[in-house]
Amino acid sequence: MTRTRRLTLSLALNVVLVAVQIIYGVAAHSTGLLADAGHNVTDVAALVLSLVAVRLAIRPRSAEHSFGNHRATILAGLANAAAITAVTVVIVFESVRRLYHPEHVHAEVVVIVAAVALALNGLAAMVLRDGSGDLNMRSALLHMLGDALASLAVLISAAFLLAVPSAMWLDPASALVVAAIIVYEAGLVFRSSVSVLLESTPSDVDLSDLTAAMRGVEGVDEIHDLHVWSLSSEMRVLSAHLVLTGHPTLEEAQVIGDQVKRTIAGSFSILHSTLELECERCIDSDDDPCPMESPDSLPTGAVTAHHH
């Protein structure tokens, strides 16, 4: 199943669920159900954003966007985190108000609706689980898992309320549990999104291991000016200077560069790499400027190799 179909199916499930939760949440006077409905409203918006991001990301590269639109999925994840945080403020405010001014809750209705919500959220999570590391899909999956936990919290509180009708504080308390789950989700997505936008080294890439793998290729003597970052959760980019041994010819240097690119593509999932192949290390000083700063001063045999 494609990502677009997974997101579309999950979106349809959530639209139905929100309608049911709002209708019965108002009828049952349940803050917990309404809080869960508010959570699901943000999920509907999040899934729409994710769908748009997926469509943008698969567009071909253009002169204006030479790397494509991979960052669209990251921006969608960041927007989702911001939306979740905004809804949390409303949920907390209403829950605290209900704690001080409790209202009678029709717990039997809440139990039924929360059980249905738990089932639908669990189904939506299964649909979105595609096994990829895409941050956009991961954020959508986290939304659904968070919703399932929130529905479970509402279900448990309503079940207790059936047994002890006087414990009306349980309903707004369950809403605060939902808020805590939302904040945790938002933090995870926000941190991952910002890390990509700041072009940080991917968390699962150890630069020491990466350097060792590159130096393990025959003909590579030294590596410097190594940079690794992500355009999206699945599109990683690398640039580096490689000092080669033995002053190879242009053809020999190209063979070494291609071998390095194959090595890092397979072991570190780096899909785009730019390698500066040098016969002597570039020295960054006023007396001996680095070839990067003066293209005409490239040493014999130094080439720039691109891979995509």
C-alpha atoms as a PDB file:
ATOM      1  CA  MET A   1       0.000   0.000   0.000  1.00  0.00           C
ATOM      2  CA  THR A   2       1.396   3.426  -0.944  1.00  0.00           C
ATOM      3  CA  ARG A   3       1.912   6.171   1.630  1.00  0.00           C
ATOM      4  CA  THR A   4      -0.790   8.270   0.026  1.00  0.00           C
ATOM      5  CA  ARG A   5      -3.345   5.465   0.417  1.00  0.00           C
ATOM      6  CA  ARG A   6      -2.257   4.775   3.990  1.00  0.00           C
ATOM      7  CA  LEU A   7      -2.690   8.443   4.919  1.00  0.00           C
ATOM      8  CA  THR A   8      -6.014   8.736   3.081  1.00  0.00           C
ATOM      9  CA  LEU A   9      -7.489   5.695   4.834  1.00  0.00           C
ATOM     10  CA  SER A  10      -6.282   6.905   8.222  1.00  0.00           C
ATOM     11  CA  LEU A  11      -7.730  10.346   7.505  1.00  0.00           C
ATOM     12  CA  ALA A  12     -11.157   8.871   6.705  1.00  0.00           C
ATOM     13  CA  LEU A  13     -11.167   6.866   9.950  1.00  0.00           C
ATOM     14  CA  ASN A  14     -10.286   9.966  11.960  1.00  0.00           C
ATOM     15  CA  VAL A  15     -12.965  12.156  10.370  1.00  0.00           C
ATOM     16  CA  VAL A  16     -15.636   9.614  11.335  1.00  0.00           C
ATOM     17  CA  LEU A  17     -14.168   9.263  14.821  1.00  0.00           C
ATOM     18  CA  VAL A  18     -14.095  13.029  15.480  1.00  0.00           C
ATOM     19  CA  ALA A  19     -17.751  13.374  14.527  1.00  0.00           C
ATOM     20  CA  VAL A  20     -18.767  10.529  16.846  1.00  0.00           C
ATOM     21  CA  GLN A  21     -16.680  11.822  19.771  1.00  0.00           C
ATOM     22  CA  ILE A  22     -17.976  15.387  19.532  1.00  0.00           C
ATOM     23  CA  ILE A  23     -21.632  14.317  19.306  1.00  0.00           C
ATOM     24  CA  TYR A  24     -21.462  11.859  22.199  1.00  0.00           C
ATOM     25  CA  GLY A  25     -18.973  13.920  24.204  1.00  0.00           C
ATOM     26  CA  VAL A  26     -21.452  16.816  24.323  1.00  0.00           C
ATOM     27  CA  ALA A  27     -24.369  14.452  25.041  1.00  0.00           C
ATOM     28  CA  ALA A  28     -22.490  12.703  27.871  1.00  0.00           C
ATOM     29  CA  HIS A  29     -20.969  15.920  29.309  1.00  0.00           C
ATOM     30  CA  SER A  30     -17.546  14.248  29.083  1.00  0.00           C
ATOM     31  CA  THR A  31     -14.450  16.457  29.046  1.00  0.00           C
ATOM     32  CA  GLY A  32     -12.381  13.350  28.424  1.00  0.00           C
ATOM     33  CA  LEU A  33     -14.229  12.505  25.214  1.00  0.00           C
ATOM     34  CA  LEU A  34     -14.149  16.120  24.032  1.00  0.00           C
ATOM     35  CA  ALA A  35     -10.426  16.321  24.796  1.00  0.00           C
ATOM     36  CA  ASP A  36      -9.867  13.153  22.791  1.00  0.00           C
ATOM     37  CA  ALA A  37     -11.993  14.641  19.991  1.00  0.00           C
ATOM     38  CA  GLY A  38      -9.827  17.775  20.059  1.00  0.00           C
ATOM     39  CA  HIS A  39      -6.763  15.581  19.817  1.00  0.00           C
ATOM     40  CA  ASN A  40      -8.259  13.829  16.815  1.00  0.00           C
ATOM     41  CA  VAL A  41      -9.138  17.150  15.156  1.00  0.00           C
ATOM     42  CA  THR A  42      -5.432  18.010  15.189  1.00  0.00           C
ATOM     43  CA  ASP A  43      -4.772  14.568  13.740  1.00  0.00           C
ATOM     44  CA  VAL A  44      -7.146  15.251  10.860  1.00  0.00           C
ATOM     45  CA  ALA A  45      -5.257  18.486  10.135  1.00  0.00           C
ATOM     46  CA  ALA A  46      -1.938  16.676  10.590  1.00  0.00           C
ATOM     47  CA  LEU A  47      -2.902  13.927   8.162  1.00  0.00           C
ATOM     48  CA  VAL A  48      -3.997  16.501   5.582  1.00  0.00           C
ATOM     49  CA  LEU A  49      -0.626  18.235   5.958  1.00  0.00           C
ATOM     50  CA  SER A  50       1.148  14.896   5.660  1.00  0.00           C
ATOM     51  CA  LEU A  51      -0.762  14.066   2.469  1.00  0.00           C
ATOM     52  CA  VAL A  52       0.158  17.422   0.933  1.00  0.00           C
ATOM     53  CA  ALA A  53       3.782  16.932   1.982  1.00  0.00           C
ATOM     54  CA  VAL A  54       3.944  13.473   0.407  1.00  0.00           C
ATOM     55  CA  ARG A  55       2.560  14.822  -2.870  1.00  0.00           C
ATOM     56  CA  LEU A  56       5.106  17.648  -2.850  1.00  0.00           C
ATOM     57  CA  ALA A  57       8.006  15.357  -1.992  1.00  0.00           C
ATOM     58  CA  ILE A  58       7.408  13.071  -4.983  1.00  0.00           C
ATOM     59  CA  ARG A  59       7.486  15.945  -7.442  1.00  0.00           C
ATOM     60  CA  PRO A  60      10.552  15.887  -9.711  1.00  0.00           C
ATOM     61  CA  ARG A  61      13.424  18.300  -9.207  1.00  0.00           C
ATOM     62  CA  SER A  62      13.347  21.618 -10.990  1.00  0.00           C
ATOM     63  CA  ALA A  63      15.634  24.581 -11.632  1.00  0.00           C
ATOM     64  CA  GLU A  64      14.059  26.389  -8.665  1.00  0.00           C
ATOM     65  CA  HIS A  65      14.271  23.327  -6.390  1.00  0.00           C
ATOM     66  CA  SER A  66      17.413  21.478  -7.417  1.00  0.00           C
ATOM     67  CA  PHE A  67      17.128  19.040  -4.489  1.00  0.00           C
ATOM     68  CA  GLY A  68      13.394  18.562  -4.966  1.00  0.00           C
ATOM     69  CA  ASN A  69      10.792  19.179  -2.258  1.00  0.00           C
ATOM     70  CA  HIS A  70      11.991  16.707   0.361  1.00  0.00           C
ATOM     71  CA  ARG A  71      11.833  19.307   3.139  1.00  0.00           C
ATOM     72  CA  ALA A  72       8.040  19.523   2.714  1.00  0.00           C
ATOM     73  CA  THR A  73       7.616  16.436   4.909  1.00  0.00           C
ATOM     74  CA  ILE A  74       9.785  17.988   7.642  1.00  0.00           C
ATOM     75  CA  LEU A  75       7.832  21.249   7.580  1.00  0.00           C
ATOM     76  CA  ALA A  76       4.608  19.249   7.846  1.00  0.00           C
ATOM     77  CA  GLY A  77       5.954  17.457  10.909  1.00  0.00           C
ATOM     78  CA  LEU A  78       6.915  20.779  12.513  1.00  0.00           C
ATOM     79  CA  ALA A  79       3.496  22.288  11.776  1.00  0.00           C
ATOM     80  CA  ASN A  80       1.838  19.216  13.277  1.00  0.00           C
ATOM     81  CA  ALA A  81       3.823  19.593  16.494  1.00  0.00           C
ATOM     82  CA  ALA A  82       2.802  23.253  16.767  1.00  0.00           C
ATOM     83  CA  ALA A  83      -0.870  22.400  16.205  1.00  0.00           C
ATOM     84  CA  ILE A  84      -0.787  19.676  18.860  1.00  0.00           C
ATOM     85  CA  THR A  85       0.707  22.091  21.385  1.00  0.00           C
ATOM     86  CA  ALA A  86      -2.004  24.692  20.753  1.00  0.00           C
ATOM     87  CA  VAL A  87      -4.792  22.166  21.314  1.00  0.00           C
ATOM     88  CA  THR A  88      -3.139  20.986  24.524  1.00  0.00           C
ATOM     89  CA  VAL A  89      -3.512  24.446  26.066  1.00  0.00           C
ATOM     90  CA  VAL A  90      -7.271  24.358  25.468  1.00  0.00           C
ATOM     91  CA  ILE A  91      -7.592  20.830  26.862  1.00  0.00           C
ATOM     92  CA  VAL A  92      -5.691  21.685  30.049  1.00  0.00           C
ATOM     93  CA  PHE A  93      -7.715  24.856  30.614  1.00  0.00           C
ATOM     94  CA  GLU A  94     -11.071  23.053  30.277  1.00  0.00           C
ATOM     95  CA  SER A  95      -9.919  20.095  32.383  1.00  0.00           C
ATOM     96  CA  VAL A  96      -8.800  22.305  35.261  1.00  0.00           C
ATOM     97  CA  ARG A  97     -12.117  24.181  35.083  1.00  0.00           C
ATOM     98  CA  ARG A  98     -14.038  20.888  35.297  1.00  0.00           C
ATOM     99  CA  LEU A  99     -11.965  19.789  38.292  1.00  0.00           C
ATOM    100  CA  TYR A 100     -13.158  22.857  40.197  1.00  0.00           C
ATOM    101  CA  HIS A 101     -16.679  22.746  38.750  1.00  0.00           C
ATOM    102  CA  PRO A 102     -17.495  19.062  38.111  1.00  0.00           C
ATOM    103  CA  GLU A 103     -20.466  18.025  35.987  1.00  0.00           C
ATOM    104  CA  HIS A 104     -22.354  14.745  35.873  1.00  0.00           C
ATOM    105  CA  VAL A 105     -20.912  12.454  33.216  1.00  0.00           C
ATOM    106  CA  HIS A 106     -22.854   9.665  31.487  1.00  0.00           C
ATOM    107  CA  ALA A 107     -20.089   7.117  31.994  1.00  0.00           C
ATOM    108  CA  GLU A 108     -21.823   4.294  30.113  1.00  0.00           C
ATOM    109  CA  VAL A 109     -21.858   6.368  26.926  1.00  0.00           C
ATOM    110  CA  VAL A 110     -18.214   7.360  27.417  1.00  0.00           C
ATOM    111  CA  VAL A 111     -17.174   3.713  27.860  1.00  0.00           C
ATOM    112  CA  ILE A 112     -18.774   2.681  24.561  1.00  0.00           C
ATOM    113  CA  VAL A 113     -17.433   5.628  22.531  1.00  0.00           C
ATOM    114  CA  ALA A 114     -13.949   5.374  24.061  1.00  0.00           C
ATOM    115  CA  ALA A 115     -13.827   1.656  23.229  1.00  0.00           C
ATOM    116  CA  VAL A 116     -14.784   2.396  19.613  1.00  0.00           C
ATOM    117  CA  ALA A 117     -12.178   5.178  19.486  1.00  0.00           C
ATOM    118  CA  LEU A 118      -9.499   2.847  20.837  1.00  0.00           C
ATOM    119  CA  ALA A 119     -10.292   0.284  18.136  1.00  0.00           C
ATOM    120  CA  LEU A 120     -10.320   2.836  15.309  1.00  0.00           C
ATOM    121  CA  ASN A 121      -7.107   4.513  16.487  1.00  0.00           C
ATOM    122  CA  GLY A 122      -5.420   1.140  16.725  1.00  0.00           C
ATOM    123  CA  LEU A 123      -6.549   0.301  13.192  1.00  0.00           C
ATOM    124  CA  ALA A 124      -5.322   3.682  11.874  1.00  0.00           C
ATOM    125  CA  ALA A 125      -1.932   3.099  13.525  1.00  0.00           C
ATOM    126  CA  MET A 126      -1.634  -0.305  11.854  1.00  0.00           C
ATOM    127  CA  VAL A 127      -2.465   1.269   8.489  1.00  0.00           C
ATOM    128  CA  LEU A 128       0.237   3.935   8.907  1.00  0.00           C
ATOM    129  CA  ARG A 129       2.946   1.528  10.031  1.00  0.00           C
ATOM    130  CA  ASP A 130       4.963   1.174   6.820  1.00  0.00           C
ATOM    131  CA  GLY A 131       8.321   0.320   8.397  1.00  0.00           C
ATOM    132  CA  SER A 132      10.089   3.365   6.940  1.00  0.00           C
ATOM    133  CA  GLY A 133      12.043   6.034   8.781  1.00  0.00           C
ATOM    134  CA  ASP A 134      10.175   8.869   7.114  1.00  0.00           C
ATOM    135  CA  LEU A 135       9.601  11.558   9.739  1.00  0.00           C
ATOM    136  CA  ASN A 136       6.338  12.591   8.107  1.00  0.00           C
ATOM    137  CA  MET A 137       4.891   9.063   8.365  1.00  0.00           C
ATOM    138  CA  ARG A 138       6.430   8.622  11.796  1.00  0.00           C
ATOM    139  CA  SER A 139       4.742  11.776  13.085  1.00  0.00           C
ATOM    140  CA  ALA A 140       1.382  10.583  11.705  1.00  0.00           C
ATOM    141  CA  LEU A 141       1.901   7.170  13.314  1.00  0.00           C
ATOM    142  CA  LEU A 142       2.789   8.797  16.647  1.00  0.00           C
ATOM    143  CA  HIS A 143      -0.446  10.779  16.424  1.00  0.00           C
ATOM    144  CA  MET A 144      -2.449   7.568  16.082  1.00  0.00           C
ATOM    145  CA  LEU A 145      -0.584   5.758  18.851  1.00  0.00           C
ATOM    146  CA  GLY A 146      -1.046   8.766  21.108  1.00  0.00           C
ATOM    147  CA  ASP A 147      -4.744   8.768  20.271  1.00  0.00           C
ATOM    148  CA  ALA A 148      -5.005   5.083  21.134  1.00  0.00           C
ATOM    149  CA  LEU A 149      -3.368   5.707  24.526  1.00  0.00           C
ATOM    150  CA  ALA A 150      -5.609   8.718  25.112  1.00  0.00           C
ATOM    151  CA  SER A 151      -8.726   6.690  24.290  1.00  0.00           C
ATOM    152  CA  LEU A 152      -7.517   3.980  26.651  1.00  0.00           C
ATOM    153  CA  ALA A 153      -7.110   6.552  29.441  1.00  0.00           C
ATOM    154  CA  VAL A 154     -10.658   7.849  28.846  1.00  0.00           C
ATOM    155  CA  LEU A 155     -12.016   4.292  28.751  1.00  0.00           C
ATOM    156  CA  ILE A 156     -10.367   3.351  32.058  1.00  0.00           C
ATOM    157  CA  SER A 157     -11.540   6.519  33.818  1.00  0.00           C
ATOM    158  CA  ALA A 158     -15.121   6.012  32.561  1.00  0.00           C
ATOM    159  CA  ALA A 159     -15.096   2.392  33.729  1.00  0.00           C
ATOM    160  CA  PHE A 160     -14.046   3.499  37.206  1.00  0.00           C
ATOM    161  CA  LEU A 161     -16.693   6.194  37.097  1.00  0.00           C
ATOM    162  CA  LEU A 162     -19.323   3.534  36.428  1.00  0.00           C
ATOM    163  CA  ALA A 163     -18.223   1.742  39.585  1.00  0.00           C
ATOM    164  CA  VAL A 164     -17.900   4.928  41.655  1.00  0.00           C
ATOM    165  CA  PRO A 165     -20.349   7.543  40.244  1.00  0.00           C
ATOM    166  CA  SER A 166     -19.289  10.154  42.813  1.00  0.00           C
ATOM    167  CA  ALA A 167     -15.703  10.251  41.451  1.00  0.00           C
ATOM    168  CA  MET A 168     -16.538  12.892  38.849  1.00  0.00           C
ATOM    169  CA  TRP A 169     -12.953  14.171  38.937  1.00  0.00           C
ATOM    170  CA  LEU A 170     -11.876  11.082  36.968  1.00  0.00           C
ATOM    171  CA  ASP A 171     -13.197  12.462  33.674  1.00  0.00           C
ATOM    172  CA  PRO A 172     -11.197  15.741  33.649  1.00  0.00           C
ATOM    173  CA  ALA A 173      -8.248  13.842  35.106  1.00  0.00           C
ATOM    174  CA  SER A 174      -8.295  11.536  32.080  1.00  0.00           C
ATOM    175  CA  ALA A 175      -8.297  14.630  29.864  1.00  0.00           C
ATOM    176  CA  LEU A 176      -5.113  15.827  31.602  1.00  0.00           C
ATOM    177  CA  VAL A 177      -3.557  12.426  30.890  1.00  0.00           C
ATOM    178  CA  VAL A 178      -4.443  12.942  27.226  1.00  0.00           C
ATOM    179  CA  ALA A 179      -2.767  16.372  27.370  1.00  0.00           C
ATOM    180  CA  ALA A 180       0.410  14.835  28.799  1.00  0.00           C
ATOM    181  CA  ILE A 181       0.495  12.285  25.966  1.00  0.00           C
ATOM    182  CA  ILE A 182       0.025  15.057  23.417  1.00  0.00           C
ATOM    183  CA  VAL A 183       2.894  17.121  24.861  1.00  0.00           C
ATOM    184  CA  TYR A 184       5.200  14.096  24.738  1.00  0.00           C
ATOM    185  CA  GLU A 185       4.303  13.418  21.088  1.00  0.00           C
ATOM    186  CA  ALA A 186       4.797  17.039  20.125  1.00  0.00           C
ATOM    187  CA  GLY A 187       8.220  17.116  21.779  1.00  0.00           C
ATOM    188  CA  LEU A 188       9.449  14.093  19.834  1.00  0.00           C
ATOM    189  CA  VAL A 189       8.268  15.385  16.472  1.00  0.00           C
ATOM    190  CA  PHE A 190       9.446  18.950  17.146  1.00  0.00           C
ATOM    191  CA  ARG A 191      12.937  17.858  18.161  1.00  0.00           C
ATOM    192  CA  SER A 192      13.352  15.585  15.131  1.00  0.00           C
ATOM    193  CA  SER A 193      12.033  18.238  12.728  1.00  0.00           C
ATOM    194  CA  VAL A 194      14.282  20.980  14.081  1.00  0.00           C
ATOM    195  CA  SER A 195      17.283  18.649  13.937  1.00  0.00           C
ATOM    196  CA  VAL A 196      16.727  18.130  10.196  1.00  0.00           C
ATOM    197  CA  LEU A 197      16.097  21.829   9.529  1.00  0.00           C
ATOM    198  CA  LEU A 198      19.328  22.720  11.364  1.00  0.00           C
ATOM    199  CA  GLU A 199      21.120  20.203   9.113  1.00  0.00           C
ATOM    200  CA  SER A 200      22.399  18.242  12.095  1.00  0.00           C
ATOM    201  CA  THR A 201      24.225  14.971  11.604  1.00  0.00           C
ATOM    202  CA  PRO A 202      21.597  12.170  11.537  1.00  0.00           C
ATOM    203  CA  SER A 203      21.307  10.647  15.004  1.00  0.00           C
ATOM    204  CA  ASP A 204      22.082   7.126  13.777  1.00  0.00           C
ATOM    205  CA  VAL A 205      25.222   8.137  11.878  1.00  0.00           C
ATOM    206  CA  ASP A 206      28.481   7.913  13.840  1.00  0.00           C
ATOM    207  CA  LEU A 207      31.054  10.138  12.126  1.00  0.00           C
ATOM    208  CA  SER A 208      33.918   7.996  13.429  1.00  0.00           C
ATOM    209  CA  ASP A 209      32.401   4.874  11.870  1.00  0.00           C
ATOM    210  CA  LEU A 210      31.626   6.748   8.661  1.00  0.00           C
ATOM    211  CA  THR A 211      35.185   8.067   8.412  1.00  0.00           C
ATOM    212  CA  ALA A 212      36.604   4.603   9.089  1.00  0.00           C
ATOM    213  CA  ALA A 213      34.424   3.092   6.356  1.00  0.00           C
ATOM    214  CA  MET A 214      35.541   5.704   3.839  1.00  0.00           C
ATOM    215  CA  ARG A 215      39.204   5.306   4.772  1.00  0.00           C
ATOM    216  CA  GLY A 216      38.803   1.563   4.414  1.00  0.00           C
ATOM    217  CA  VAL A 217      38.519   2.006   0.646  1.00  0.00           C
ATOM    218  CA  GLU A 218      41.859   1.297  -1.018  1.00  0.00           C
ATOM    219  CA  GLY A 219      43.501   4.490  -2.246  1.00  0.00           C
ATOM    220  CA  VAL A 220      42.002   6.810   0.388  1.00  0.00           C
ATOM    221  CA  ASP A 221      44.678   8.242   2.682  1.00  0.00           C
ATOM    222  CA  GLU A 222      42.853  10.956   4.608  1.00  0.00           C
ATOM    223  CA  ILE A 223      39.430  12.579   4.945  1.00  0.00           C
ATOM    224  CA  HIS A 224      38.664  16.149   6.001  1.00  0.00           C
ATOM    225  CA  ASP A 225      35.851  18.724   5.763  1.00  0.00           C
ATOM    226  CA  LEU A 226      33.314  15.923   6.236  1.00  0.00           C
ATOM    227  CA  HIS A 227      29.673  17.015   6.494  1.00  0.00           C
ATOM    228  CA  VAL A 228      26.548  14.842   6.696  1.00  0.00           C
ATOM    229  CA  TRP A 229      22.995  16.159   6.944  1.00  0.00           C
ATOM    230  CA  SER A 230      19.431  15.334   5.944  1.00  0.00           C
ATOM    231  CA  LEU A 231      17.035  16.924   3.492  1.00  0.00           C
ATOM    232  CA  SER A 232      14.283  14.697   4.886  1.00  0.00           C
ATOM    233  CA  SER A 233      14.063  11.599   7.049  1.00  0.00           C
ATOM    234  CA  GLU A 234      15.118   9.430   4.113  1.00  0.00           C
ATOM    235  CA  MET A 235      17.246  11.768   1.979  1.00  0.00           C
ATOM    236  CA  ARG A 236      20.764  12.103   3.379  1.00  0.00           C
ATOM    237  CA  VAL A 237      23.520  14.210   1.870  1.00  0.00           C
ATOM    238  CA  LEU A 238      27.283  14.106   2.326  1.00  0.00           C
ATOM    239  CA  SER A 239      30.201  16.268   1.260  1.00  0.00           C
ATOM    240  CA  ALA A 240      33.847  15.575   2.000  1.00  0.00           C
ATOM    241  CA  HIS A 241      37.433  16.046   0.850  1.00  0.00           C
ATOM    242  CA  LEU A 242      39.382  12.839   0.208  1.00  0.00           C
ATOM    243  CA  VAL A 243      43.174  12.859   0.036  1.00  0.00           C
ATOM    244  CA  LEU A 244      44.250  10.008  -2.253  1.00  0.00           C
ATOM    245  CA  THR A 245      47.503   8.077  -2.174  1.00  0.00           C
ATOM    246  CA  GLY A 246      49.993   7.750  -5.005  1.00  0.00           C
ATOM    247  CA  HIS A 247      48.944  10.714  -7.174  1.00  0.00           C
ATOM    248  CA  PRO A 248      46.422   8.724  -9.251  1.00  0.00           C
ATOM    249  CA  THR A 249      45.257   9.715 -12.712  1.00  0.00           C
ATOM    250  CA  LEU A 250      41.827  11.267 -13.188  1.00  0.00           C
ATOM    251  CA  GLU A 251      40.371   7.901 -14.201  1.00  0.00           C
ATOM    252  CA  GLU A 252      41.927   6.116 -11.209  1.00  0.00           C
ATOM    253  CA  ALA A 253      40.687   8.821  -8.841  1.00  0.00           C
ATOM    254  CA  GLN A 254      37.175   8.467 -10.241  1.00  0.00           C
ATOM    255  CA  VAL A 255      37.208   4.714  -9.579  1.00  0.00           C
ATOM    256  CA  ILE A 256      38.210   5.331  -5.941  1.00  0.00           C
ATOM    257  CA  GLY A 257      35.523   7.997  -5.558  1.00  0.00           C
ATOM    258  CA  ASP A 258      32.851   5.671  -6.960  1.00  0.00           C
ATOM    259  CA  GLN A 259      33.880   2.929  -4.532  1.00  0.00           C
ATOM    260  CA  VAL A 260      33.613   5.326  -1.574  1.00  0.00           C
ATOM    261  CA  LYS A 261      30.147   6.400  -2.702  1.00  0.00           C
ATOM    262  CA  ARG A 262      28.975   2.802  -2.991  1.00  0.00           C
ATOM    263  CA  THR A 263      30.327   2.061   0.477  1.00  0.00           C
ATOM    264  CA  ILE A 264      28.543   4.930   2.236  1.00  0.00           C
ATOM    265  CA  ALA A 265      25.340   4.449   0.251  1.00  0.00           C
ATOM    266  CA  GLY A 266      24.993   0.864   1.387  1.00  0.00           C
ATOM    267  CA  SER A 267      26.109   1.133   5.006  1.00  0.00           C
ATOM    268  CA  PHE A 268      24.850   4.598   5.939  1.00  0.00           C
ATOM    269  CA  SER A 269      21.910   5.157   3.537  1.00  0.00           C
ATOM    270  CA  ILE A 270      23.507   8.289   2.071  1.00  0.00           C
ATOM    271  CA  LEU A 271      21.811   8.807  -1.288  1.00  0.00           C
ATOM    272  CA  HIS A 272      23.615  11.941  -2.480  1.00  0.00           C
ATOM    273  CA  SER A 273      27.314  12.613  -2.013  1.00  0.00           C
ATOM    274  CA  THR A 274      29.772  15.204  -3.289  1.00  0.00           C
ATOM    275  CA  LEU A 275      33.447  14.235  -2.968  1.00  0.00           C
ATOM    276  CA  GLU A 276      36.437  16.496  -3.549  1.00  0.00           C
ATOM    277  CA  LEU A 277      39.299  14.178  -4.551  1.00  0.00           C
ATOM    278  CA  GLU A 278      42.776  15.570  -3.788  1.00  0.00           C
ATOM    279  CA  CYS A 279      46.328  14.383  -4.294  1.00  0.00           C
ATOM    280  CA  GLU A 280      47.561  16.619  -1.494  1.00  0.00           C
ATOM    281  CA  ARG A 281      45.719  17.984   1.498  1.00  0.00           C
ATOM    282  CA  CYS A 282      44.333  21.458   0.942  1.00  0.00           C
ATOM    283  CA  ILE A 283      45.860  23.985   3.362  1.00  0.00           C
ATOM    284  CA  ASP A 284      43.554  26.811   4.394  1.00  0.00           C
ATOM    285  CA  SER A 285      45.884  29.806   4.811  1.00  0.00           C
ATOM    286  CA  ASP A 286      46.606  33.164   3.213  1.00  0.00           C
ATOM    287  CA  ASP A 287      49.930  31.975   1.784  1.00  0.00           C
ATOM    288  CA  ASP A 288      48.590  28.700   0.412  1.00  0.00           C
ATOM    289  CA  PRO A 289      44.863  29.058  -0.258  1.00  0.00           C
ATOM    290  CA  CYS A 290      42.650  25.978  -0.276  1.00  0.00           C
ATOM    291  CA  PRO A 291      41.670  24.821  -3.793  1.00  0.00           C
ATOM    292  CA  MET A 292      38.024  25.250  -2.731  1.00  0.00           C
ATOM    293  CA  GLU A 293      38.653  28.992  -2.559  1.00  0.00           C
ATOM    294  CA  SER A 294      40.661  29.096  -5.778  1.00  0.00           C
ATOM    295  CA  PRO A 295      39.441  26.650  -8.434  1.00  0.00           C
ATOM    296  CA  ASP A 296      42.385  27.420 -10.716  1.00  0.00           C
ATOM    297  CA  SER A 297      44.815  26.158  -8.066  1.00  0.00           C
ATOM    298  CA  LEU A 298      43.460  22.583  -7.996  1.00  0.00           C
ATOM    299  CA  PRO A 299      46.419  20.137  -7.822  1.00  0.00           C
ATOM    300  CA  THR A 300      46.938  17.698 -10.665  1.00  0.00           C
ATOM    301  CA  GLY A 301      44.562  14.795 -10.383  1.00  0.00           C
ATOM    302  CA  ALA A 302      42.050  16.577  -8.097  1.00  0.00           C
ATOM    303  CA  VAL A 303      38.465  16.337  -9.258  1.00  0.00           C
ATOM    304  CA  THR A 304      35.020  16.980  -7.874  1.00  0.00           C
ATOM    305  CA  ALA A 305      32.824  13.895  -8.048  1.00  0.00           C
ATOM    306  CA  HIS A 306      29.063  13.972  -7.724  1.00  0.00           C
ATOM    307  CA  HIS A 307      26.774  11.055  -7.037  1.00  0.00           C
ATOM    308  CA  HIS A 308      22.958  10.883  -6.926  1.00  0.00           C
END
